[in-house]
Amino acid sequence: MQLKRTLDRGSSRCGAARLIAYPCSVLLAATSVLAFAPAAEGDPRAKAPVTWSWNGKDAWLPSAKAPSCGKLRLQPPAQVAALDGWLPPGRLNETARYYKAHGALRFADPTANGTVAAAVDGYFVRGAAYRENRDGQMNGPGSSVQYLVDIQHPCGFLVRYDHLRTLSPALQRIFDRSIPVGEDSRTTNVKPVKISKGQVLATAVSVPDQPSPRQFDFGVYDLRRQQQSLHSGAWLADHGSGAELANFAVCWPRLMGSTGAQIEALPNIAPQDGTDIC
């Protein structure tokens, strides 16, 4: 399989949130796991899914006519009851000169590993594996492998999960086969793999010896059109981000109905940072 590496922009720390417990049927379906299967595997007449690619400048383009998104509804990627805070997407800290288009969720129990599930039906299209330590230093002393996962819905939404530590067995096999551990968080494209909403992606997050509660990054991007016109490429570059994702980020709790409102009501882990998305 030919691999293409693309630059990943924007990995950050997370926040906390309190989620609603999933119905038992959802959890059982998720934990039954090995539902990962190549999109066109089996029936040779099966059509490849619509995927979206960055044009390198200002737009994402679909590989074919994309289906309608309709009223797309996301499922929280973790049980709300297990969370105690969050970081809103679109965070800006002018003092530290950073802009984070994604958000984050934090587990309330600092001793818990944390289970993360897919928020939307779609296809795993690219990922990254890299080493980071408790101080946020890549390849620093005491580093452990962290995983980044990008799942695209064919209609034009991308959901990114970062700082996953223990992947589901099936997802781990894909990484072992196709995505090597790199020197940084640049992503590698893979043949699209079907993912179902509620499917377990990881059973542990964050760096093992990190003193803070377990947390992971979570970002949602509407690739169909730019969401933010106020940030130029130069401004984003100066604030440690990039237009590829930053200009397409959305306030993802508002795609989760009443559960999303519960997330927005959680304490903001970084109240000193403003947000231009939520």
Protein backbone atom coordinates (compact mmCIF):
# COMPACT_ATOMS: atom_id res chain seq x y z
CA MET A 1 0.00 0.00 0.00
CA GLN A 2 1.38 3.34 -1.00
CA LEU A 3 1.33 5.78 1.86
CA LYS A 4 1.11 9.54 1.63
CA ARG A 5 2.23 11.68 4.51
CA THR A 6 0.56 15.00 5.12
CA LEU A 7 1.36 17.64 7.70
CA ASP A 8 -0.82 17.54 10.79
CA ARG A 9 -1.50 20.93 12.27
CA GLY A 10 -2.59 21.57 15.80
CA SER A 11 -2.25 19.03 18.61
CA SER A 12 -3.08 20.42 22.06
CA ARG A 13 -4.20 19.67 25.52
CA CYS A 14 -7.73 19.03 26.55
CA GLY A 15 -10.53 19.93 28.81
CA ALA A 16 -13.13 18.11 30.77
CA ALA A 17 -16.77 17.36 30.29
CA ARG A 18 -19.54 15.43 31.90
CA LEU A 19 -21.29 13.07 29.48
CA ILE A 20 -24.54 11.07 29.52
CA ALA A 21 -24.08 7.32 29.79
CA TYR A 22 -24.64 5.46 26.55
CA PRO A 23 -27.50 2.95 26.36
CA CYS A 24 -26.37 -0.59 27.08
CA SER A 25 -27.16 -1.63 23.51
CA VAL A 26 -24.74 1.00 22.20
CA LEU A 27 -22.00 -0.03 24.57
CA LEU A 28 -22.42 -3.70 23.73
CA ALA A 29 -22.28 -2.95 20.03
CA ALA A 30 -19.21 -0.80 20.56
CA THR A 31 -17.34 -3.32 22.68
CA SER A 32 -18.10 -6.15 20.28
CA VAL A 33 -15.34 -4.31 18.38
CA LEU A 34 -13.88 -5.89 15.22
CA ALA A 35 -16.29 -4.09 12.93
CA PHE A 36 -13.35 -2.51 11.17
CA ALA A 37 -13.32 -3.62 7.54
CA PRO A 38 -11.90 -2.08 4.36
CA ALA A 39 -14.61 -0.11 2.60
CA ALA A 40 -14.47 -1.97 -0.69
CA GLU A 41 -13.48 -5.36 0.66
CA GLY A 42 -15.61 -8.36 -0.31
CA ASP A 43 -17.89 -7.38 -3.18
CA PRO A 44 -15.65 -6.30 -6.11
CA ARG A 45 -18.52 -4.17 -7.40
CA ALA A 46 -18.70 -2.15 -4.19
CA LYS A 47 -18.03 1.53 -4.73
CA ALA A 48 -15.24 3.25 -2.86
CA PRO A 49 -16.55 5.78 -0.30
CA VAL A 50 -16.45 9.50 -0.99
CA THR A 51 -13.39 10.97 0.72
CA TRP A 52 -12.22 14.58 1.01
CA SER A 53 -8.72 15.91 0.30
CA TRP A 54 -7.09 19.27 1.06
CA ASN A 55 -6.10 21.19 -2.07
CA GLY A 56 -3.08 22.65 -0.33
CA LYS A 57 -4.42 26.18 -0.33
CA ASP A 58 -7.98 27.01 0.71
CA ALA A 59 -10.46 24.17 0.17
CA TRP A 60 -11.27 20.51 0.70
CA LEU A 61 -12.47 18.62 -2.38
CA PRO A 62 -14.60 15.42 -2.50
CA SER A 63 -13.45 12.44 -4.57
CA ALA A 64 -16.95 12.17 -6.08
CA LYS A 65 -20.39 13.70 -5.58
CA ALA A 66 -20.86 13.82 -1.82
CA PRO A 67 -24.11 12.75 -0.15
CA SER A 68 -26.16 15.26 1.81
CA CYS A 69 -25.26 15.73 5.47
CA GLY A 70 -28.90 16.35 6.40
CA LYS A 71 -29.24 16.99 10.12
CA LEU A 72 -25.99 15.36 11.13
CA ARG A 73 -26.01 14.42 14.81
CA LEU A 74 -22.86 13.49 16.71
CA GLN A 75 -22.60 11.19 19.71
CA PRO A 76 -20.29 12.31 22.54
CA PRO A 77 -17.00 10.41 22.22
CA ALA A 78 -17.02 9.51 25.91
CA GLN A 79 -19.64 9.01 28.59
CA VAL A 80 -20.68 12.44 29.84
CA ALA A 81 -20.98 11.16 33.39
CA ALA A 82 -17.29 10.19 33.32
CA LEU A 83 -16.09 13.72 32.47
CA ASP A 84 -15.56 16.80 34.61
CA GLY A 85 -14.49 19.52 32.19
CA TRP A 86 -13.76 20.53 28.64
CA LEU A 87 -11.80 22.87 26.41
CA PRO A 88 -13.91 24.67 23.79
CA PRO A 89 -12.69 24.64 20.19
CA GLY A 90 -11.37 27.86 18.70
CA ARG A 91 -9.33 28.77 21.77
CA LEU A 92 -7.09 31.82 21.51
CA ASN A 93 -4.36 32.78 23.93
CA GLU A 94 -2.73 36.02 22.75
CA THR A 95 -0.19 35.99 25.58
CA ALA A 96 1.16 32.56 24.68
CA ARG A 97 0.50 33.23 20.97
CA TYR A 98 -1.44 30.06 20.23
CA TYR A 99 -4.72 29.20 18.55
CA LYS A 100 -6.31 25.75 18.94
CA ALA A 101 -9.13 24.96 16.53
CA HIS A 102 -9.96 21.69 18.27
CA GLY A 103 -11.29 21.20 21.78
CA ALA A 104 -10.74 18.56 24.43
CA LEU A 105 -12.44 16.45 27.08
CA ARG A 106 -11.12 15.41 30.50
CA PHE A 107 -12.06 12.37 32.56
CA ALA A 108 -13.04 13.09 36.15
CA ASP A 109 -11.20 10.11 37.66
CA PRO A 110 -7.45 10.72 37.36
CA THR A 111 -6.81 7.01 37.84
CA ALA A 112 -9.15 5.98 35.00
CA ASN A 113 -7.72 5.15 31.60
CA GLY A 114 -10.70 6.53 29.68
CA THR A 115 -12.71 4.91 26.87
CA VAL A 116 -13.22 6.81 23.62
CA ALA A 117 -15.83 5.89 21.00
CA ALA A 118 -16.59 7.09 17.47
CA ALA A 119 -18.83 10.15 17.44
CA VAL A 120 -20.11 9.60 13.90
CA ASP A 121 -20.41 6.95 11.21
CA GLY A 122 -17.65 7.31 8.66
CA TYR A 123 -14.27 6.07 7.48
CA PHE A 124 -10.88 6.07 9.13
CA VAL A 125 -8.78 7.80 6.46
CA ARG A 126 -5.54 8.85 8.13
CA GLY A 127 -3.70 8.81 11.42
CA ALA A 128 -0.44 9.47 13.20
CA ALA A 129 1.64 7.80 15.88
CA TYR A 130 4.27 9.76 17.78
CA ARG A 131 6.00 9.87 21.16
CA GLU A 132 5.35 12.50 23.81
CA ASN A 133 6.16 12.81 27.51
CA ARG A 134 4.28 14.24 30.49
CA ASP A 135 5.68 17.72 29.80
CA GLY A 136 4.33 17.79 26.26
CA GLN A 137 7.77 17.24 24.71
CA MET A 138 7.86 15.06 21.63
CA ASN A 139 10.46 12.30 21.98
CA GLY A 140 11.48 13.72 25.36
CA PRO A 141 12.52 11.68 28.41
CA GLY A 142 9.84 9.18 29.44
CA SER A 143 7.92 9.51 26.19
CA SER A 144 5.10 7.12 25.31
CA VAL A 145 3.33 6.54 22.01
CA GLN A 146 0.26 8.70 21.36
CA TYR A 147 -2.18 8.10 18.50
CA LEU A 148 -4.13 10.53 16.33
CA VAL A 149 -7.17 9.28 14.37
CA ASP A 150 -9.06 11.11 11.60
CA ILE A 151 -12.54 9.83 10.69
CA GLN A 152 -14.42 11.37 7.75
CA HIS A 153 -18.15 11.24 7.09
CA PRO A 154 -18.63 11.09 3.28
CA CYS A 155 -20.89 14.16 3.36
CA GLY A 156 -17.94 16.35 4.34
CA PHE A 157 -17.32 16.22 8.09
CA LEU A 158 -14.01 15.24 9.66
CA VAL A 159 -13.70 14.21 13.31
CA ARG A 160 -10.23 14.14 14.88
CA TYR A 161 -9.19 12.33 18.07
CA ASP A 162 -5.72 12.87 19.50
CA HIS A 163 -3.74 11.69 22.54
CA LEU A 164 -5.21 8.18 22.39
CA ARG A 165 -2.90 5.71 24.11
CA THR A 166 -4.37 2.19 23.96
CA LEU A 167 -6.22 1.55 20.71
CA SER A 168 -8.85 -1.13 20.12
CA PRO A 169 -7.19 -4.35 18.83
CA ALA A 170 -8.55 -3.92 15.30
CA LEU A 171 -7.47 -0.29 15.03
CA GLN A 172 -4.07 -1.15 16.48
CA ARG A 173 -3.56 -3.72 13.72
CA ILE A 174 -4.15 -1.03 11.10
CA PHE A 175 -1.54 1.20 12.72
CA ASP A 176 0.94 -1.66 13.03
CA ARG A 177 0.49 -2.48 9.37
CA SER A 178 0.27 0.95 7.78
CA ILE A 179 1.17 3.85 10.12
CA PRO A 180 4.67 3.80 11.66
CA VAL A 181 5.60 5.73 14.78
CA GLY A 182 7.11 8.97 13.52
CA GLU A 183 9.23 11.80 14.85
CA ASP A 184 6.21 14.14 14.96
CA SER A 185 2.44 14.11 14.48
CA ARG A 186 2.36 14.26 10.69
CA THR A 187 -0.42 12.05 9.41
CA THR A 188 -0.35 9.07 7.05
CA ASN A 189 -3.21 8.32 4.65
CA VAL A 190 -4.63 4.79 4.57
CA LYS A 191 -7.24 2.94 2.51
CA PRO A 192 -10.60 4.02 4.01
CA VAL A 193 -11.81 1.73 6.79
CA LYS A 194 -15.47 1.78 7.80
CA ILE A 195 -16.22 2.95 11.34
CA SER A 196 -19.62 2.88 13.07
CA LYS A 197 -20.90 5.48 15.51
CA GLY A 198 -20.35 4.25 19.07
CA GLN A 199 -17.53 1.87 18.09
CA VAL A 200 -14.72 1.84 20.65
CA LEU A 201 -11.56 3.46 19.31
CA ALA A 202 -9.41 3.48 22.44
CA THR A 203 -9.50 2.22 26.02
CA ALA A 204 -6.85 4.58 27.43
CA VAL A 205 -5.79 8.14 26.69
CA SER A 206 -3.00 10.57 27.54
CA VAL A 207 0.54 9.93 28.77
CA PRO A 208 0.69 7.14 31.42
CA ASP A 209 2.51 9.10 34.14
CA GLN A 210 0.89 12.46 33.44
CA PRO A 211 -0.06 13.96 36.82
CA SER A 212 -3.20 15.70 35.53
CA PRO A 213 -6.49 13.85 34.87
CA ARG A 214 -6.67 11.76 31.71
CA GLN A 215 -7.72 13.83 28.74
CA PHE A 216 -7.82 13.73 24.95
CA ASP A 217 -8.20 16.19 22.10
CA PHE A 218 -11.41 16.25 20.08
CA GLY A 219 -12.10 18.38 17.01
CA VAL A 220 -14.86 18.50 14.39
CA TYR A 221 -14.48 20.14 10.99
CA ASP A 222 -17.07 20.92 8.30
CA LEU A 223 -14.97 20.51 5.16
CA ARG A 224 -17.69 21.78 2.82
CA ARG A 225 -16.96 25.45 3.45
CA GLN A 226 -14.74 27.71 5.51
CA GLN A 227 -16.25 28.49 8.90
CA GLN A 228 -13.91 31.34 9.84
CA SER A 229 -12.99 34.10 7.43
CA LEU A 230 -11.42 36.37 10.06
CA HIS A 231 -8.16 34.42 10.25
CA SER A 232 -5.67 34.69 7.41
CA GLY A 233 -3.05 32.06 6.71
CA ALA A 234 -0.35 34.38 8.05
CA TRP A 235 -2.26 34.98 11.30
CA LEU A 236 -2.79 31.26 11.82
CA ALA A 237 0.86 30.49 11.13
CA ASP A 238 1.87 33.14 13.66
CA HIS A 239 -0.38 31.48 16.23
CA GLY A 240 0.90 27.95 15.69
CA SER A 241 -1.97 26.67 13.59
CA GLY A 242 -2.86 26.14 9.94
CA ALA A 243 -5.73 26.86 7.57
CA GLU A 244 -6.17 23.19 6.59
CA LEU A 245 -8.26 22.53 9.70
CA ALA A 246 -8.47 25.79 11.65
CA ASN A 247 -10.68 27.53 9.09
CA PHE A 248 -13.14 24.62 9.05
CA ALA A 249 -13.60 23.95 12.79
CA VAL A 250 -17.11 23.98 14.27
CA CYS A 251 -18.57 24.13 17.78
CA TRP A 252 -19.13 20.39 18.07
CA PRO A 253 -21.29 20.31 21.26
CA ARG A 254 -24.00 22.02 19.21
CA LEU A 255 -24.14 18.95 16.96
CA MET A 256 -24.93 16.71 19.96
CA GLY A 257 -28.37 17.98 21.00
CA SER A 258 -29.16 18.14 24.71
CA THR A 259 -26.05 16.13 25.56
CA GLY A 260 -23.92 18.77 23.93
CA ALA A 261 -25.56 21.42 26.11
CA GLN A 262 -24.43 19.43 29.17
CA ILE A 263 -20.88 19.48 27.83
CA GLU A 264 -20.96 23.24 27.30
CA ALA A 265 -22.17 23.64 30.90
CA LEU A 266 -19.06 21.88 32.26
CA PRO A 267 -16.17 23.89 33.70
CA ASN A 268 -13.80 25.32 31.12
CA ILE A 269 -10.32 24.02 31.89
CA ALA A 270 -8.71 27.15 30.45
CA PRO A 271 -11.15 29.99 31.22
CA GLN A 272 -8.44 32.56 30.48
CA ASP A 273 -8.59 31.61 26.81
CA GLY A 274 -11.28 33.07 24.62
CA THR A 275 -13.12 31.13 21.91
CA ASP A 276 -14.31 32.39 18.55
CA ILE A 277 -16.26 29.23 17.68
CA CYS A 278 -18.41 28.36 20.72
